[in-house]
Amino acid sequence: MKKSEIIKKTRGPIEDILESKSLELVDIELAKDYGSIVFRVLADKKGGLTMEDCQVASEAISEWLDREDPIPGQYLLEVSSPGLDRPLKTDRDLERAEGEELEIKMYAPVEGKKKFVGTILGFDQGSITLRMEADTVVLNREDIAKINRVIKIGGK
C-alpha cells in the first residue's frame, strides 16, 4: 500500500480520536528515519500541546492502530506538536494565530516587497489583511508562499 493511501485511510479516524481528546490533527507523515518506518501524527490545541496530551493521544491512536492494523509491517508511532515555527496553512492555523506577530513571504513582490511582518486583522478564502507598524496591507492568499509566527526568545 502506498504512503498516500495509508495517510488517507488513517486521517479521518485519527482526527476523530484527537477531537475526542480536545486536540486537533495538523498533519500525518509516514517517513523512514534512520532505517525505521515512523508514523508521525502532528497535533495541536489552543495554548499548545503538553507531554500529557501527547501521551493520551498516543495511547488512544496506538489502540486504534493495533485493532484496525492499517499499516503493513513494523513501524514506530510518534505523536507530537508540529512546533512553534511550523508554517501556518489553514484557516484554523490563522484563527489560532490571531493577535500574534506573523511573517508572510510572497511568491512575487507586492508593493515592492516579498516579506511582510505584522498582525492579522482578518482573513477570508481570498485574502489576509495584515496590520504592520503604521500600514495595513491586504494580501492575496494565492500569492502567499509561506506564513510563520515570529518567534522572539527572551527580552520584551
C-alpha atoms as a PDB file:
ATOM      1  CA  MET A   1       0.000   0.000   0.000  1.00  0.00           C
ATOM      2  CA  LYS A   2       1.285   3.493  -0.886  1.00  0.00           C
ATOM      3  CA  LYS A   3       2.110   6.081   1.776  1.00  0.00           C
ATOM      4  CA  SER A   4      -0.580   8.423   0.454  1.00  0.00           C
ATOM      5  CA  GLU A   5      -3.200   5.651   0.688  1.00  0.00           C
ATOM      6  CA  ILE A   6      -2.233   4.852   4.286  1.00  0.00           C
ATOM      7  CA  ILE A   7      -2.401   8.515   5.265  1.00  0.00           C
ATOM      8  CA  LYS A   8      -5.765   8.942   3.525  1.00  0.00           C
ATOM      9  CA  LYS A   9      -7.143   5.802   5.209  1.00  0.00           C
ATOM     10  CA  THR A  10      -5.997   6.808   8.709  1.00  0.00           C
ATOM     11  CA  ARG A  11      -6.683  10.582   8.611  1.00  0.00           C
ATOM     12  CA  GLY A  12     -10.421  10.510   9.439  1.00  0.00           C
ATOM     13  CA  PRO A  13     -10.258   8.033  12.334  1.00  0.00           C
ATOM     14  CA  ILE A  14      -7.204   9.736  13.842  1.00  0.00           C
ATOM     15  CA  GLU A  15      -8.863  13.138  13.500  1.00  0.00           C
ATOM     16  CA  ASP A  16     -11.889  11.732  15.380  1.00  0.00           C
ATOM     17  CA  ILE A  17      -9.674  10.257  18.110  1.00  0.00           C
ATOM     18  CA  LEU A  18      -7.843  13.551  18.594  1.00  0.00           C
ATOM     19  CA  GLU A  19     -11.060  15.584  18.622  1.00  0.00           C
ATOM     20  CA  SER A  20     -12.410  13.293  21.362  1.00  0.00           C
ATOM     21  CA  LYS A  21      -9.364  14.375  23.398  1.00  0.00           C
ATOM     22  CA  SER A  22      -9.938  18.100  22.578  1.00  0.00           C
ATOM     23  CA  LEU A  23      -6.985  18.075  20.193  1.00  0.00           C
ATOM     24  CA  GLU A  24      -6.690  18.966  16.529  1.00  0.00           C
ATOM     25  CA  LEU A  25      -4.960  16.972  13.812  1.00  0.00           C
ATOM     26  CA  VAL A  26      -2.389  19.126  11.999  1.00  0.00           C
ATOM     27  CA  ASP A  27      -0.749  16.526   9.780  1.00  0.00           C
ATOM     28  CA  ILE A  28       0.177  12.876   9.364  1.00  0.00           C
ATOM     29  CA  GLU A  29       3.535  11.772   7.995  1.00  0.00           C
ATOM     30  CA  LEU A  30       4.834   8.339   7.126  1.00  0.00           C
ATOM     31  CA  ALA A  31       8.595   8.504   6.790  1.00  0.00           C
ATOM     32  CA  LYS A  32      11.754   6.480   7.050  1.00  0.00           C
ATOM     33  CA  ASP A  33      14.023   7.769   9.833  1.00  0.00           C
ATOM     34  CA  TYR A  34      17.335   6.060  10.495  1.00  0.00           C
ATOM     35  CA  GLY A  35      16.148   2.831   8.910  1.00  0.00           C
ATOM     36  CA  SER A  36      12.824   2.641  10.766  1.00  0.00           C
ATOM     37  CA  ILE A  37       9.367   3.458   9.451  1.00  0.00           C
ATOM     38  CA  VAL A  38       7.810   6.241  11.541  1.00  0.00           C
ATOM     39  CA  PHE A  39       4.094   7.015  11.541  1.00  0.00           C
ATOM     40  CA  ARG A  40       4.087  10.602  12.801  1.00  0.00           C
ATOM     41  CA  VAL A  41       0.918  12.323  13.984  1.00  0.00           C
ATOM     42  CA  LEU A  42       1.218  16.078  14.497  1.00  0.00           C
ATOM     43  CA  ALA A  43      -1.441  17.520  16.781  1.00  0.00           C
ATOM     44  CA  ASP A  44      -2.155  20.859  18.401  1.00  0.00           C
ATOM     45  CA  LYS A  45      -4.599  22.745  20.604  1.00  0.00           C
ATOM     46  CA  LYS A  46      -5.134  26.324  21.640  1.00  0.00           C
ATOM     47  CA  GLY A  47      -2.397  27.181  24.103  1.00  0.00           C
ATOM     48  CA  GLY A  48      -0.132  24.426  22.816  1.00  0.00           C
ATOM     49  CA  LEU A  49       0.285  20.706  23.369  1.00  0.00           C
ATOM     50  CA  THR A  50       1.599  19.235  26.628  1.00  0.00           C
ATOM     51  CA  MET A  51       3.521  15.994  27.116  1.00  0.00           C
ATOM     52  CA  GLU A  52       0.408  14.585  28.788  1.00  0.00           C
ATOM     53  CA  ASP A  53      -1.672  15.468  25.705  1.00  0.00           C
ATOM     54  CA  CYS A  54       0.828  13.592  23.526  1.00  0.00           C
ATOM     55  CA  GLN A  55       0.774  10.561  25.815  1.00  0.00           C
ATOM     56  CA  VAL A  56      -3.034  10.385  25.964  1.00  0.00           C
ATOM     57  CA  ALA A  57      -3.301  10.798  22.191  1.00  0.00           C
ATOM     58  CA  SER A  58      -0.551   8.249  21.553  1.00  0.00           C
ATOM     59  CA  GLU A  59      -2.265   5.618  23.717  1.00  0.00           C
ATOM     60  CA  ALA A  60      -5.640   6.145  22.008  1.00  0.00           C
ATOM     61  CA  ILE A  61      -4.166   6.140  18.489  1.00  0.00           C
ATOM     62  CA  SER A  62      -2.000   3.097  19.266  1.00  0.00           C
ATOM     63  CA  GLU A  63      -5.043   1.184  20.476  1.00  0.00           C
ATOM     64  CA  TRP A  64      -6.900   2.007  17.250  1.00  0.00           C
ATOM     65  CA  LEU A  65      -3.886   1.134  15.057  1.00  0.00           C
ATOM     66  CA  ASP A  66      -3.461  -2.210  16.849  1.00  0.00           C
ATOM     67  CA  ARG A  67      -7.155  -3.027  16.378  1.00  0.00           C
ATOM     68  CA  GLU A  68      -7.513  -1.891  12.735  1.00  0.00           C
ATOM     69  CA  ASP A  69      -3.957  -2.651  11.522  1.00  0.00           C
ATOM     70  CA  PRO A  70      -3.994  -0.162   8.582  1.00  0.00           C
ATOM     71  CA  ILE A  71      -0.191  -0.007   8.244  1.00  0.00           C
ATOM     72  CA  PRO A  72       1.609  -3.080   6.910  1.00  0.00           C
ATOM     73  CA  GLY A  73       4.792  -4.166   8.640  1.00  0.00           C
ATOM     74  CA  GLN A  74       6.556  -2.723  11.646  1.00  0.00           C
ATOM     75  CA  TYR A  75       6.611   0.992  12.414  1.00  0.00           C
ATOM     76  CA  LEU A  76       7.062   3.423  15.262  1.00  0.00           C
ATOM     77  CA  LEU A  77       4.190   5.700  16.303  1.00  0.00           C
ATOM     78  CA  GLU A  78       5.160   9.254  17.178  1.00  0.00           C
ATOM     79  CA  VAL A  79       2.647  11.840  18.406  1.00  0.00           C
ATOM     80  CA  SER A  80       3.997  15.352  18.794  1.00  0.00           C
ATOM     81  CA  SER A  81       3.422  19.048  18.390  1.00  0.00           C
ATOM     82  CA  PRO A  82       4.287  20.493  14.978  1.00  0.00           C
ATOM     83  CA  GLY A  83       6.380  23.160  16.753  1.00  0.00           C
ATOM     84  CA  LEU A  84       6.099  26.913  17.004  1.00  0.00           C
ATOM     85  CA  ASP A  85       7.982  27.543  13.779  1.00  0.00           C
ATOM     86  CA  ARG A  86       5.753  25.442  11.548  1.00  0.00           C
ATOM     87  CA  PRO A  87       4.148  27.120   8.541  1.00  0.00           C
ATOM     88  CA  LEU A  88       0.547  28.238   9.074  1.00  0.00           C
ATOM     89  CA  LYS A  89      -1.593  26.833   6.272  1.00  0.00           C
ATOM     90  CA  THR A  90      -5.226  26.511   7.270  1.00  0.00           C
ATOM     91  CA  ASP A  91      -7.936  28.870   8.480  1.00  0.00           C
ATOM     92  CA  ARG A  92      -7.720  27.132  11.863  1.00  0.00           C
ATOM     93  CA  ASP A  93      -3.996  27.943  11.986  1.00  0.00           C
ATOM     94  CA  LEU A  94      -4.744  31.588  11.223  1.00  0.00           C
ATOM     95  CA  GLU A  95      -7.540  31.747  13.805  1.00  0.00           C
ATOM     96  CA  ARG A  96      -5.204  30.330  16.429  1.00  0.00           C
ATOM     97  CA  ALA A  97      -2.547  32.917  15.498  1.00  0.00           C
ATOM     98  CA  GLU A  98      -4.861  35.933  15.808  1.00  0.00           C
ATOM     99  CA  GLY A  99      -3.155  38.700  17.756  1.00  0.00           C
ATOM    100  CA  GLU A 100       0.310  37.227  17.192  1.00  0.00           C
ATOM    101  CA  GLU A 101       3.028  38.686  15.026  1.00  0.00           C
ATOM    102  CA  LEU A 102       3.421  36.801  11.740  1.00  0.00           C
ATOM    103  CA  GLU A 103       5.883  36.816   8.865  1.00  0.00           C
ATOM    104  CA  ILE A 104       4.356  36.372   5.421  1.00  0.00           C
ATOM    105  CA  LYS A 105       6.550  35.625   2.416  1.00  0.00           C
ATOM    106  CA  MET A 106       5.168  36.203  -1.062  1.00  0.00           C
ATOM    107  CA  TYR A 107       5.939  34.391  -4.317  1.00  0.00           C
ATOM    108  CA  ALA A 108       6.373  37.751  -6.069  1.00  0.00           C
ATOM    109  CA  PRO A 109       6.787  41.312  -4.770  1.00  0.00           C
ATOM    110  CA  VAL A 110       3.700  43.209  -3.625  1.00  0.00           C
ATOM    111  CA  GLU A 111       4.183  46.955  -3.398  1.00  0.00           C
ATOM    112  CA  GLY A 112       7.887  46.242  -3.943  1.00  0.00           C
ATOM    113  CA  LYS A 113       8.194  43.799  -1.008  1.00  0.00           C
ATOM    114  CA  LYS A 114       8.275  39.999  -0.759  1.00  0.00           C
ATOM    115  CA  LYS A 115       8.186  39.837   3.052  1.00  0.00           C
ATOM    116  CA  PHE A 116       5.599  41.340   5.407  1.00  0.00           C
ATOM    117  CA  VAL A 117       5.630  41.260   9.216  1.00  0.00           C
ATOM    118  CA  GLY A 118       2.561  42.200  11.200  1.00  0.00           C
ATOM    119  CA  THR A 119      -0.627  41.094  12.945  1.00  0.00           C
ATOM    120  CA  ILE A 120      -3.639  39.603  11.159  1.00  0.00           C
ATOM    121  CA  LEU A 121      -6.641  41.909  11.262  1.00  0.00           C
ATOM    122  CA  GLY A 122      -8.790  39.475   9.309  1.00  0.00           C
ATOM    123  CA  PHE A 123      -8.843  36.870   6.558  1.00  0.00           C
ATOM    124  CA  ASP A 124     -11.155  35.047   4.198  1.00  0.00           C
ATOM    125  CA  GLN A 125     -10.766  32.488   1.400  1.00  0.00           C
ATOM    126  CA  GLY A 126      -9.139  35.042  -0.895  1.00  0.00           C
ATOM    127  CA  SER A 127      -7.084  37.401   1.237  1.00  0.00           C
ATOM    128  CA  ILE A 128      -5.360  38.213   4.510  1.00  0.00           C
ATOM    129  CA  THR A 129      -5.379  41.712   5.986  1.00  0.00           C
ATOM    130  CA  LEU A 130      -2.210  42.446   7.923  1.00  0.00           C
ATOM    131  CA  ARG A 131      -1.524  45.374  10.249  1.00  0.00           C
ATOM    132  CA  MET A 132       2.087  46.427  10.205  1.00  0.00           C
ATOM    133  CA  GLU A 133       3.657  49.281  12.200  1.00  0.00           C
ATOM    134  CA  ALA A 134       1.825  52.158  10.503  1.00  0.00           C
ATOM    135  CA  ASP A 135       0.285  50.481   7.471  1.00  0.00           C
ATOM    136  CA  THR A 136      -2.373  47.948   6.638  1.00  0.00           C
ATOM    137  CA  VAL A 137      -1.975  45.664   3.639  1.00  0.00           C
ATOM    138  CA  VAL A 138      -4.338  43.173   2.010  1.00  0.00           C
ATOM    139  CA  LEU A 139      -2.501  40.164   0.582  1.00  0.00           C
ATOM    140  CA  ASN A 140      -3.968  37.712  -1.925  1.00  0.00           C
ATOM    141  CA  ARG A 141      -3.747  34.209  -0.413  1.00  0.00           C
ATOM    142  CA  GLU A 142      -2.859  32.664  -3.790  1.00  0.00           C
ATOM    143  CA  ASP A 143       0.267  34.841  -3.856  1.00  0.00           C
ATOM    144  CA  ILE A 144       1.459  33.825  -0.370  1.00  0.00           C
ATOM    145  CA  ALA A 145       4.355  31.376  -0.350  1.00  0.00           C
ATOM    146  CA  LYS A 146       4.621  30.874   3.410  1.00  0.00           C
ATOM    147  CA  ILE A 147       3.253  32.160   6.729  1.00  0.00           C
ATOM    148  CA  ASN A 148       5.105  31.674  10.026  1.00  0.00           C
ATOM    149  CA  ARG A 149       4.832  33.033  13.539  1.00  0.00           C
ATOM    150  CA  VAL A 150       7.553  35.495  14.534  1.00  0.00           C
ATOM    151  CA  ILE A 151       9.298  33.787  17.429  1.00  0.00           C
ATOM    152  CA  LYS A 152      11.014  36.032  19.959  1.00  0.00           C
ATOM    153  CA  ILE A 153      13.196  34.443  22.602  1.00  0.00           C
ATOM    154  CA  GLY A 154      13.921  36.382  25.781  1.00  0.00           C
ATOM    155  CA  GLY A 155      13.625  40.128  26.216  1.00  0.00           C
ATOM    156  CA  LYS A 156      10.412  42.079  25.841  1.00  0.00           C
END
